[in-house]
Amino acid sequence: MRWDLVQALALVQLASAGPVKTRDTVTAQVNFNNNTGTPQHLASGLLYGVPDTLNQIPAHFYQNIGYNYERAGGAQVAAPGRGWIWGLTEYKNRFKSALSNYQTAREYDATFIFLIHDLWGADGTQNSSAPYPGDNGDWTSWDEYLTQLFSDIKANSMTTGLVIDIWNEPDLTAFWNRDQSQYLEMWGRTYYKFRAEFGTAVELSGPASAGEPVASNTWWQAWASFVASNQSIPDQYAWHMEGGGGDLLSAQAGLNYWRSTYNLPSKLININEYGVYDEQVPAGSAWWIGQLERINARGLRGNWLSGTNLHDYMASLLGKSGSTYYPNGDYQVYKYYYQNMTGYRVGTLPSSDLKLEAYATVGSDYARVLVGVRVATGTWELELNSLSSLGLPTSGTLNVHTWGFPVASDVHYGEVDAPTDLGWYGHAYSGDTVTFPVYQTDEVTAYVFEFAI
């Protein structure tokens, strides 16, 4: 049996906190006897999505979802704002954009991840002749860029709540069109320049790869080997989950494989881009919330917009009529997740086909389970175990209140002001467990099941 699969199975045991019941393909589990800690709304981060004009989006939209992480660096600001490689003026205009996003993040006590590759000018819109750090062994421009950046960070008092992403998706030619050895040299040089300038006052993040750290990923093998030998280990392990497949249990198991192989320490995991555009609907968001919360990973919503829209709409959580913003169906999931799912978290397991996910909390009066199916229709089942650990009898009838989280006719940008009350239903149960169906008749609607304790 492959090492990463063994680790994934071990994580499943941990999530279950007790004997794992036999699961069929379509059954997700909640285990109320497994307290997994205080909710921190780990999935409530954004990639871009924040206007460069301060306070353009009203404060309550940020506050109601527990906005806690922002990631930006001035990408796709039109000329004259294309970044360092186009000259100092273009750098300054891009830095101004990043600074305004940092200020918005700090207004809500959110951590800011600075995309310094965007500030350099490698945001995916650069032309084929664009220079990269260390071309032909010459680091002069990169060193000058870092000197300017260090000065501007200090001059604008940006060190509080700041994380530096050393480079974005260096395993994709759209962002790093050079070989990996040049990237690794850049990584080591940049890591130690930041440490020399800021010590531990500024956190460092990476590799922010497009690929997951599975045991078969040779790009990750080279990176893990290098940072171990170079002792340039970041404060956050970061990668992206935007391929439309994959799951975080397997990805975390892969990270643990590389950590074990190269004796790397445990660090915070930040999935600083998650979800493809089709998954940015209530069901998809609920699915990703369950994934991130299970492995205690921070998460920032991917952003599939471009140009000025990249800097707006809170990564497709809002719509807009003129200058007036309104929430969409996806926003209502994050609002409920932050405002209602309080108390303590409990362990969950996805269906074995990895389609149905669950995130569950126990508050002072209600237990709540948020579920989402990953871009699919059909019928799945939700199994709630160890009801007696909540003070309920081991058999009887459980009265469950269901809320639906739909979308409007414009799936991504139509207004939805609240979830839909789908009423109460009594489920007979025995053996300390209740199981009931989740009817997923479309690919977009998420559900919450609540019951009193």
Protein backbone atom coordinates (compact mmCIF):
# COMPACT_ATOMS: atom_id res chain seq x y z
CA MET A 1 0.00 0.00 0.00
CA ARG A 2 1.34 3.43 -0.98
CA TRP A 3 2.61 5.60 1.90
CA ASP A 4 0.31 8.54 1.14
CA LEU A 5 -2.73 6.27 1.07
CA VAL A 6 -1.76 4.84 4.47
CA GLN A 7 -1.53 8.38 5.84
CA ALA A 8 -4.86 9.32 4.32
CA LEU A 9 -6.50 6.35 5.97
CA ALA A 10 -4.92 7.33 9.27
CA LEU A 11 -6.37 10.81 8.89
CA VAL A 12 -9.78 9.30 8.21
CA GLN A 13 -9.52 7.38 11.48
CA LEU A 14 -8.60 10.59 13.28
CA ALA A 15 -11.49 12.51 11.74
CA SER A 16 -13.88 9.79 12.81
CA ALA A 17 -12.62 9.52 16.42
CA GLY A 18 -13.90 6.03 17.01
CA PRO A 19 -14.58 2.87 15.05
CA VAL A 20 -15.15 3.76 11.42
CA LYS A 21 -18.47 2.39 10.26
CA THR A 22 -18.66 0.71 6.91
CA ARG A 23 -19.57 3.36 4.37
CA ASP A 24 -21.14 2.91 1.02
CA THR A 25 -20.31 5.23 -1.85
CA VAL A 26 -22.92 7.85 -1.07
CA THR A 27 -22.84 8.24 2.72
CA ALA A 28 -21.14 11.08 4.60
CA GLN A 29 -20.72 10.89 8.37
CA VAL A 30 -20.81 13.30 11.29
CA ASN A 31 -19.38 12.07 14.59
CA PHE A 32 -20.66 14.15 17.49
CA ASN A 33 -18.36 12.48 20.01
CA ASN A 34 -15.33 14.04 18.31
CA ASN A 35 -14.69 17.65 19.37
CA THR A 36 -12.19 19.06 16.84
CA GLY A 37 -11.85 22.55 18.30
CA THR A 38 -13.21 26.07 18.11
CA PRO A 39 -14.52 27.30 14.74
CA GLN A 40 -12.19 29.79 13.05
CA HIS A 41 -14.05 30.03 9.69
CA LEU A 42 -10.90 28.79 7.99
CA ALA A 43 -12.37 29.06 4.47
CA SER A 44 -13.29 32.76 4.61
CA GLY A 45 -10.32 34.17 2.67
CA LEU A 46 -10.27 35.88 -0.73
CA LEU A 47 -7.90 35.96 -3.68
CA TYR A 48 -8.15 39.56 -4.91
CA GLY A 49 -11.84 40.59 -5.14
CA VAL A 50 -11.22 43.81 -3.18
CA PRO A 51 -11.53 47.17 -4.96
CA ASP A 52 -8.52 49.47 -5.04
CA THR A 53 -10.80 52.27 -3.83
CA LEU A 54 -11.04 52.01 -0.04
CA ASN A 55 -14.52 51.37 1.40
CA GLN A 56 -16.09 50.89 -2.03
CA ILE A 57 -17.74 47.67 -0.81
CA PRO A 58 -19.75 48.38 2.38
CA ALA A 59 -18.22 47.04 5.59
CA HIS A 60 -21.03 44.64 6.46
CA PHE A 61 -20.24 42.45 3.47
CA TYR A 62 -16.79 41.73 4.89
CA GLN A 63 -17.94 41.53 8.51
CA ASN A 64 -20.83 39.13 7.90
CA ILE A 65 -18.60 36.39 6.48
CA GLY A 66 -15.71 36.73 8.94
CA TYR A 67 -13.32 37.83 6.17
CA ASN A 68 -9.89 36.88 7.49
CA TYR A 69 -7.35 36.48 4.65
CA GLU A 70 -6.63 38.52 1.54
CA ARG A 71 -4.12 37.74 -1.23
CA ALA A 72 -3.19 40.36 -3.81
CA GLY A 73 -0.28 42.18 -5.45
CA GLY A 74 -1.63 44.56 -8.07
CA ALA A 75 -2.19 42.07 -10.88
CA GLN A 76 -3.78 43.24 -14.14
CA VAL A 77 -3.62 46.92 -13.34
CA ALA A 78 -3.55 48.52 -16.78
CA ALA A 79 -0.64 50.59 -18.04
CA PRO A 80 0.93 52.53 -16.52
CA GLY A 81 0.72 49.87 -13.81
CA ARG A 82 2.26 46.70 -15.21
CA GLY A 83 4.95 46.18 -12.58
CA TRP A 84 8.68 46.53 -11.99
CA ILE A 85 9.82 45.04 -15.29
CA TRP A 86 8.15 47.96 -17.08
CA GLY A 87 9.82 50.66 -14.99
CA LEU A 88 9.59 52.37 -11.62
CA THR A 89 6.41 54.32 -12.40
CA GLU A 90 4.59 51.15 -13.42
CA TYR A 91 5.86 49.45 -10.25
CA LYS A 92 4.59 52.31 -8.09
CA ASN A 93 1.10 52.17 -9.57
CA ARG A 94 0.89 48.45 -9.00
CA PHE A 95 2.23 48.86 -5.46
CA LYS A 96 -0.47 51.47 -4.80
CA SER A 97 -3.11 48.90 -5.74
CA ALA A 98 -1.59 46.28 -3.43
CA LEU A 99 -1.31 48.80 -0.59
CA SER A 100 -5.01 49.68 -0.80
CA ASN A 101 -5.90 45.96 -0.64
CA TYR A 102 -3.60 45.55 2.37
CA GLN A 103 -5.32 48.48 4.09
CA THR A 104 -8.74 46.96 3.47
CA ALA A 105 -7.58 43.64 4.91
CA ARG A 106 -6.15 45.25 8.04
CA GLU A 107 -9.35 47.24 8.56
CA TYR A 108 -11.03 43.90 9.27
CA ASP A 109 -8.01 42.37 11.04
CA ALA A 110 -7.46 40.07 8.07
CA THR A 111 -4.02 38.72 7.19
CA PHE A 112 -2.61 39.94 3.87
CA ILE A 113 -0.63 37.68 1.52
CA PHE A 114 1.51 39.86 -0.75
CA LEU A 115 1.95 38.46 -4.27
CA ILE A 116 5.34 39.92 -5.09
CA HIS A 117 5.48 38.13 -8.45
CA ASP A 118 2.49 40.27 -9.53
CA LEU A 119 4.29 43.40 -8.37
CA TRP A 120 7.32 42.31 -10.42
CA GLY A 121 5.05 42.01 -13.47
CA ALA A 122 4.65 38.25 -13.99
CA ASP A 123 0.87 38.13 -13.53
CA GLY A 124 0.14 35.97 -16.57
CA THR A 125 -0.36 38.95 -18.87
CA GLN A 126 3.38 39.55 -19.46
CA ASN A 127 4.70 39.04 -22.99
CA SER A 128 7.02 36.26 -24.10
CA SER A 129 10.12 38.45 -23.82
CA ALA A 130 9.44 39.44 -20.21
CA PRO A 131 12.47 39.01 -17.93
CA TYR A 132 12.55 36.73 -14.90
CA PRO A 133 14.72 36.95 -11.80
CA GLY A 134 18.20 35.53 -12.43
CA ASP A 135 18.07 35.41 -16.22
CA ASN A 136 21.55 34.61 -17.55
CA GLY A 137 22.80 34.47 -13.98
CA ASP A 138 22.13 38.19 -13.47
CA TRP A 139 20.28 39.01 -10.24
CA THR A 140 20.81 42.77 -10.39
CA SER A 141 17.26 43.79 -11.28
CA TRP A 142 15.70 41.35 -8.79
CA ASP A 143 17.94 42.61 -6.01
CA GLU A 144 17.08 46.22 -6.86
CA TYR A 145 13.41 45.30 -6.93
CA LEU A 146 13.61 43.74 -3.46
CA THR A 147 15.46 46.78 -2.10
CA GLN A 148 12.66 49.03 -3.40
CA LEU A 149 10.00 46.67 -2.06
CA PHE A 150 11.58 46.49 1.40
CA SER A 151 11.71 50.28 1.54
CA ASP A 152 8.06 50.63 0.52
CA ILE A 153 6.84 47.98 2.98
CA LYS A 154 8.56 49.83 5.81
CA ALA A 155 7.51 53.30 4.66
CA ASN A 156 3.85 52.21 4.60
CA SER A 157 3.97 50.27 7.91
CA MET A 158 2.89 47.06 6.20
CA THR A 159 4.60 44.45 8.37
CA THR A 160 1.64 43.76 10.66
CA GLY A 161 -0.39 40.81 9.43
CA LEU A 162 1.82 40.42 6.36
CA VAL A 163 2.70 37.17 4.57
CA ILE A 164 5.00 37.16 1.55
CA ASP A 165 4.24 34.65 -1.20
CA ILE A 166 7.68 34.29 -2.76
CA TRP A 167 6.25 33.33 -6.18
CA ASN A 168 2.84 32.23 -7.45
CA GLU A 169 2.41 28.91 -9.32
CA PRO A 170 6.07 28.52 -10.28
CA ASP A 171 5.24 25.12 -11.74
CA LEU A 172 3.22 26.79 -14.53
CA THR A 173 4.88 28.55 -17.45
CA ALA A 174 2.22 31.29 -17.35
CA PHE A 175 3.88 32.57 -14.20
CA TRP A 176 7.42 31.12 -14.28
CA ASN A 177 8.67 30.51 -17.80
CA ARG A 178 12.13 29.28 -16.80
CA ASP A 179 13.48 25.99 -15.46
CA GLN A 180 12.95 24.94 -11.87
CA SER A 181 16.61 25.28 -10.89
CA GLN A 182 16.48 29.03 -11.56
CA TYR A 183 13.29 29.26 -9.51
CA LEU A 184 14.89 27.41 -6.60
CA GLU A 185 17.87 29.74 -6.65
CA MET A 186 15.45 32.68 -6.62
CA TRP A 187 13.56 31.10 -3.72
CA GLY A 188 16.69 30.69 -1.59
CA ARG A 189 18.02 34.19 -2.32
CA THR A 190 14.64 35.83 -1.66
CA TYR A 191 13.96 33.86 1.52
CA TYR A 192 17.21 34.94 3.13
CA LYS A 193 16.90 38.56 1.99
CA PHE A 194 13.49 38.81 3.66
CA ARG A 195 14.76 37.13 6.80
CA ALA A 196 17.75 39.49 6.96
CA GLU A 197 15.50 42.53 6.48
CA PHE A 198 12.47 41.62 8.63
CA GLY A 199 13.42 38.60 10.73
CA THR A 200 10.24 36.78 11.72
CA ALA A 201 8.10 39.94 11.72
CA VAL A 202 6.95 39.01 8.21
CA GLU A 203 5.87 35.45 7.42
CA LEU A 204 6.97 33.65 4.26
CA SER A 205 4.73 31.34 2.24
CA GLY A 206 5.16 28.80 -0.52
CA PRO A 207 5.57 27.23 -2.89
CA ALA A 208 2.01 28.26 -3.88
CA SER A 209 2.12 25.62 -6.59
CA ALA A 210 -0.67 24.81 -9.00
CA GLY A 211 0.02 21.11 -8.42
CA GLU A 212 -0.73 19.22 -5.21
CA PRO A 213 2.12 17.79 -3.10
CA VAL A 214 1.30 14.16 -3.87
CA ALA A 215 4.08 11.57 -3.69
CA SER A 216 4.25 11.29 -7.49
CA ASN A 217 4.86 15.02 -8.02
CA THR A 218 8.55 15.38 -8.97
CA TRP A 219 8.32 19.19 -8.96
CA TRP A 220 7.36 19.04 -5.27
CA GLN A 221 10.13 16.53 -4.61
CA ALA A 222 12.74 18.97 -5.96
CA TRP A 223 11.26 21.86 -3.96
CA ALA A 224 11.07 19.90 -0.69
CA SER A 225 14.62 18.61 -1.14
CA PHE A 226 15.92 22.12 -1.82
CA VAL A 227 14.25 23.91 1.10
CA ALA A 228 15.41 21.14 3.45
CA SER A 229 19.05 21.39 2.36
CA ASN A 230 18.95 25.20 2.05
CA GLN A 231 17.06 25.61 5.33
CA SER A 232 14.68 28.02 3.61
CA ILE A 233 11.50 26.44 4.97
CA PRO A 234 8.47 28.76 4.76
CA ASP A 235 6.20 29.64 7.67
CA GLN A 236 3.21 28.39 5.68
CA TYR A 237 3.01 25.48 3.27
CA ALA A 238 0.86 26.72 0.40
CA TRP A 239 -0.54 25.17 -2.74
CA HIS A 240 -3.66 25.44 -4.88
CA MET A 241 -6.68 23.20 -5.32
CA GLU A 242 -8.17 24.47 -8.57
CA GLY A 243 -7.85 21.56 -10.94
CA GLY A 244 -11.47 20.50 -10.62
CA GLY A 245 -10.41 17.26 -8.94
CA GLY A 246 -8.34 16.09 -6.01
CA ASP A 247 -9.12 16.20 -2.33
CA LEU A 248 -7.37 17.59 0.72
CA LEU A 249 -6.95 14.34 2.63
CA SER A 250 -4.85 12.96 -0.21
CA ALA A 251 -2.99 16.25 -0.68
CA GLN A 252 -2.20 16.51 3.03
CA ALA A 253 -1.00 12.91 3.01
CA GLY A 254 1.31 13.81 0.14
CA LEU A 255 2.69 16.79 2.05
CA ASN A 256 3.31 14.52 5.02
CA TYR A 257 5.19 12.16 2.72
CA TRP A 258 7.58 14.93 1.64
CA ARG A 259 7.89 16.19 5.18
CA SER A 260 8.85 12.72 6.37
CA THR A 261 11.23 12.14 3.45
CA TYR A 262 13.15 15.39 4.01
CA ASN A 263 12.58 15.87 7.75
CA LEU A 264 10.59 19.07 7.29
CA PRO A 265 8.69 20.56 10.25
CA SER A 266 4.94 20.86 10.59
CA LYS A 267 3.63 24.29 9.52
CA LEU A 268 0.30 25.96 8.91
CA ILE A 269 -1.29 24.84 5.63
CA ASN A 270 -2.76 27.55 3.43
CA ILE A 271 -4.71 26.58 0.32
CA ASN A 272 -4.47 30.14 -0.91
CA GLU A 273 -6.51 29.41 -4.04
CA TYR A 274 -9.36 26.89 -3.92
CA GLY A 275 -12.28 26.02 -6.17
CA VAL A 276 -12.80 26.31 -9.91
CA TYR A 277 -15.38 28.79 -11.22
CA ASP A 278 -18.09 26.15 -11.62
CA GLU A 279 -17.62 25.24 -7.95
CA GLN A 280 -18.21 28.83 -6.83
CA VAL A 281 -21.84 28.10 -6.03
CA PRO A 282 -23.38 27.24 -2.65
CA ALA A 283 -22.92 23.45 -3.01
CA GLY A 284 -19.32 23.80 -4.14
CA SER A 285 -18.45 26.28 -1.40
CA ALA A 286 -19.98 24.02 1.25
CA TRP A 287 -17.94 21.12 -0.15
CA TRP A 288 -14.70 23.10 0.14
CA ILE A 289 -15.54 24.33 3.64
CA GLY A 290 -15.84 20.69 4.76
CA GLN A 291 -12.52 19.83 3.13
CA LEU A 292 -10.56 22.75 4.62
CA GLU A 293 -12.01 22.42 8.10
CA ARG A 294 -11.18 18.70 8.24
CA ILE A 295 -7.43 19.25 7.92
CA ASN A 296 -7.36 22.67 9.68
CA ALA A 297 -6.15 24.45 6.55
CA ARG A 298 -6.65 28.11 5.77
CA GLY A 299 -8.37 28.69 2.45
CA LEU A 300 -8.80 31.59 0.01
CA ARG A 301 -11.44 31.47 -2.73
CA GLY A 302 -10.01 31.31 -6.21
CA ASN A 303 -10.81 34.24 -8.49
CA TRP A 304 -11.55 33.60 -12.15
CA LEU A 305 -12.26 37.18 -13.21
CA SER A 306 -9.88 39.47 -15.07
CA GLY A 307 -9.03 43.12 -15.52
CA THR A 308 -10.88 45.51 -13.22
CA ASN A 309 -13.34 42.74 -12.27
CA LEU A 310 -10.47 40.86 -10.64
CA HIS A 311 -10.41 43.72 -8.11
CA ASP A 312 -14.13 43.59 -7.30
CA TYR A 313 -17.10 41.39 -6.27
CA MET A 314 -15.25 39.75 -3.33
CA ALA A 315 -14.13 36.87 -5.56
CA SER A 316 -17.63 36.35 -7.00
CA LEU A 317 -19.55 36.52 -3.71
CA LEU A 318 -21.36 39.73 -4.66
CA GLY A 319 -23.26 41.21 -7.56
CA LYS A 320 -23.68 44.88 -8.34
CA SER A 321 -26.29 47.19 -9.86
CA GLY A 322 -24.61 50.45 -10.72
CA SER A 323 -22.59 51.18 -7.59
CA THR A 324 -24.88 49.21 -5.25
CA TYR A 325 -23.69 45.78 -4.11
CA TYR A 326 -25.87 42.84 -3.13
CA PRO A 327 -25.15 39.25 -1.97
CA ASN A 328 -25.47 36.19 -4.17
CA GLY A 329 -26.41 32.65 -3.11
CA ASP A 330 -22.79 31.70 -2.46
CA TYR A 331 -22.41 34.64 -0.07
CA GLN A 332 -25.27 33.31 2.07
CA VAL A 333 -23.31 30.10 2.68
CA TYR A 334 -20.29 31.98 4.04
CA LYS A 335 -22.54 34.25 6.10
CA TYR A 336 -24.26 31.28 7.75
CA TYR A 337 -20.92 29.48 8.18
CA TYR A 338 -19.49 32.43 10.11
CA GLN A 339 -22.52 33.67 12.04
CA ASN A 340 -24.37 30.46 12.89
CA MET A 341 -21.80 27.68 13.07
CA THR A 342 -20.43 28.51 16.49
CA GLY A 343 -19.59 26.51 19.63
CA TYR A 344 -17.25 23.66 18.72
CA ARG A 345 -16.54 21.66 15.56
CA VAL A 346 -16.99 17.91 15.30
CA GLY A 347 -15.38 15.30 13.09
CA THR A 348 -16.85 14.45 9.71
CA LEU A 349 -16.11 12.15 6.80
CA PRO A 350 -17.10 12.67 3.15
CA SER A 351 -18.92 10.05 1.16
CA SER A 352 -16.41 7.56 -0.22
CA ASP A 353 -17.07 8.84 -3.77
CA LEU A 354 -15.88 12.23 -2.44
CA LYS A 355 -19.04 13.91 -3.72
CA LEU A 356 -20.94 14.70 -0.50
CA GLU A 357 -19.11 16.78 2.11
CA ALA A 358 -20.16 17.93 5.56
CA TYR A 359 -19.03 20.47 8.13
CA ALA A 360 -20.66 20.34 11.56
CA THR A 361 -20.69 22.35 14.77
CA VAL A 362 -22.36 22.07 18.14
CA GLY A 363 -23.54 25.29 19.77
CA SER A 364 -25.28 25.99 23.05
CA ASP A 365 -28.72 25.22 21.67
CA TYR A 366 -28.39 23.62 18.23
CA ALA A 367 -26.22 21.20 16.31
CA ARG A 368 -25.73 22.29 12.71
CA VAL A 369 -24.50 20.40 9.65
CA LEU A 370 -23.64 22.17 6.39
CA VAL A 371 -23.52 19.88 3.35
CA GLY A 372 -22.61 20.32 -0.28
CA VAL A 373 -22.31 18.02 -3.27
CA ARG A 374 -19.42 18.68 -5.67
CA VAL A 375 -20.99 19.67 -9.00
CA ALA A 376 -23.26 16.65 -9.32
CA THR A 377 -26.87 15.57 -8.96
CA GLY A 378 -28.31 12.46 -7.35
CA THR A 379 -29.18 11.13 -3.91
CA TRP A 380 -26.63 10.79 -1.11
CA GLU A 381 -27.08 10.03 2.58
CA LEU A 382 -26.00 11.80 5.75
CA GLU A 383 -25.28 9.72 8.85
CA LEU A 384 -25.26 11.45 12.25
CA ASN A 385 -23.47 9.34 14.87
CA SER A 386 -23.19 9.44 18.69
CA LEU A 387 -26.29 11.52 19.30
CA SER A 388 -26.11 10.56 22.97
CA SER A 389 -22.91 12.59 23.29
CA LEU A 390 -25.16 15.63 22.80
CA GLY A 391 -27.48 14.55 25.61
CA LEU A 392 -30.05 13.04 23.25
CA PRO A 393 -31.53 9.54 23.67
CA THR A 394 -30.01 6.65 21.71
CA SER A 395 -33.33 6.10 19.92
CA GLY A 396 -36.47 8.04 19.12
CA THR A 397 -37.34 10.75 16.63
CA LEU A 398 -34.99 13.57 15.68
CA ASN A 399 -36.74 16.69 14.43
CA VAL A 400 -34.50 18.32 11.82
CA HIS A 401 -34.86 21.81 10.40
CA THR A 402 -33.59 22.15 6.82
CA TRP A 403 -32.36 25.29 5.08
CA GLY A 404 -31.62 25.46 1.36
CA PHE A 405 -29.00 27.77 -0.15
CA PRO A 406 -30.04 28.33 -3.78
CA VAL A 407 -28.79 30.63 -6.54
CA ALA A 408 -30.65 33.19 -8.63
CA SER A 409 -31.21 32.86 -12.39
CA ASP A 410 -27.83 34.55 -12.87
CA VAL A 411 -25.95 31.81 -11.02
CA HIS A 412 -22.89 33.82 -10.00
CA TYR A 413 -24.17 37.38 -9.82
CA GLY A 414 -27.90 37.18 -9.14
CA GLU A 415 -29.20 38.55 -5.84
CA VAL A 416 -30.07 36.11 -3.04
CA ASP A 417 -30.89 37.78 0.27
CA ALA A 418 -31.38 34.76 2.52
CA PRO A 419 -31.46 30.97 2.55
CA THR A 420 -34.76 29.19 1.98
CA ASP A 421 -36.60 27.69 4.96
CA LEU A 422 -37.48 24.13 3.91
CA GLY A 423 -39.24 23.25 7.16
CA TRP A 424 -38.96 20.52 9.78
CA TYR A 425 -39.05 16.76 9.41
CA GLY A 426 -39.01 14.03 12.06
CA HIS A 427 -36.53 11.18 11.45
CA ALA A 428 -37.02 7.97 13.44
CA TYR A 429 -33.72 6.44 14.58
CA SER A 430 -32.12 3.84 16.83
CA GLY A 431 -28.63 2.69 17.78
CA ASP A 432 -27.50 6.25 18.58
CA THR A 433 -27.44 7.09 14.84
CA VAL A 434 -29.82 8.72 12.41
CA THR A 435 -29.44 8.50 8.64
CA PHE A 436 -31.45 10.42 6.08
CA PRO A 437 -31.19 11.23 2.36
CA VAL A 438 -29.78 14.36 0.76
CA TYR A 439 -31.63 14.92 -2.50
CA GLN A 440 -29.34 16.90 -4.80
CA THR A 441 -31.67 17.79 -7.65
CA ASP A 442 -29.36 20.47 -9.06
CA GLU A 443 -25.59 21.11 -9.01
CA VAL A 444 -25.68 24.37 -7.06
CA THR A 445 -27.81 24.20 -3.90
CA ALA A 446 -26.23 23.63 -0.47
CA TYR A 447 -28.16 22.54 2.60
CA VAL A 448 -28.01 22.98 6.36
CA PHE A 449 -29.60 20.55 8.78
CA GLU A 450 -30.24 21.88 12.31
CA PHE A 451 -31.65 20.20 15.40
CA ALA A 452 -32.08 21.26 19.00
CA ILE A 453 -29.93 19.76 21.77
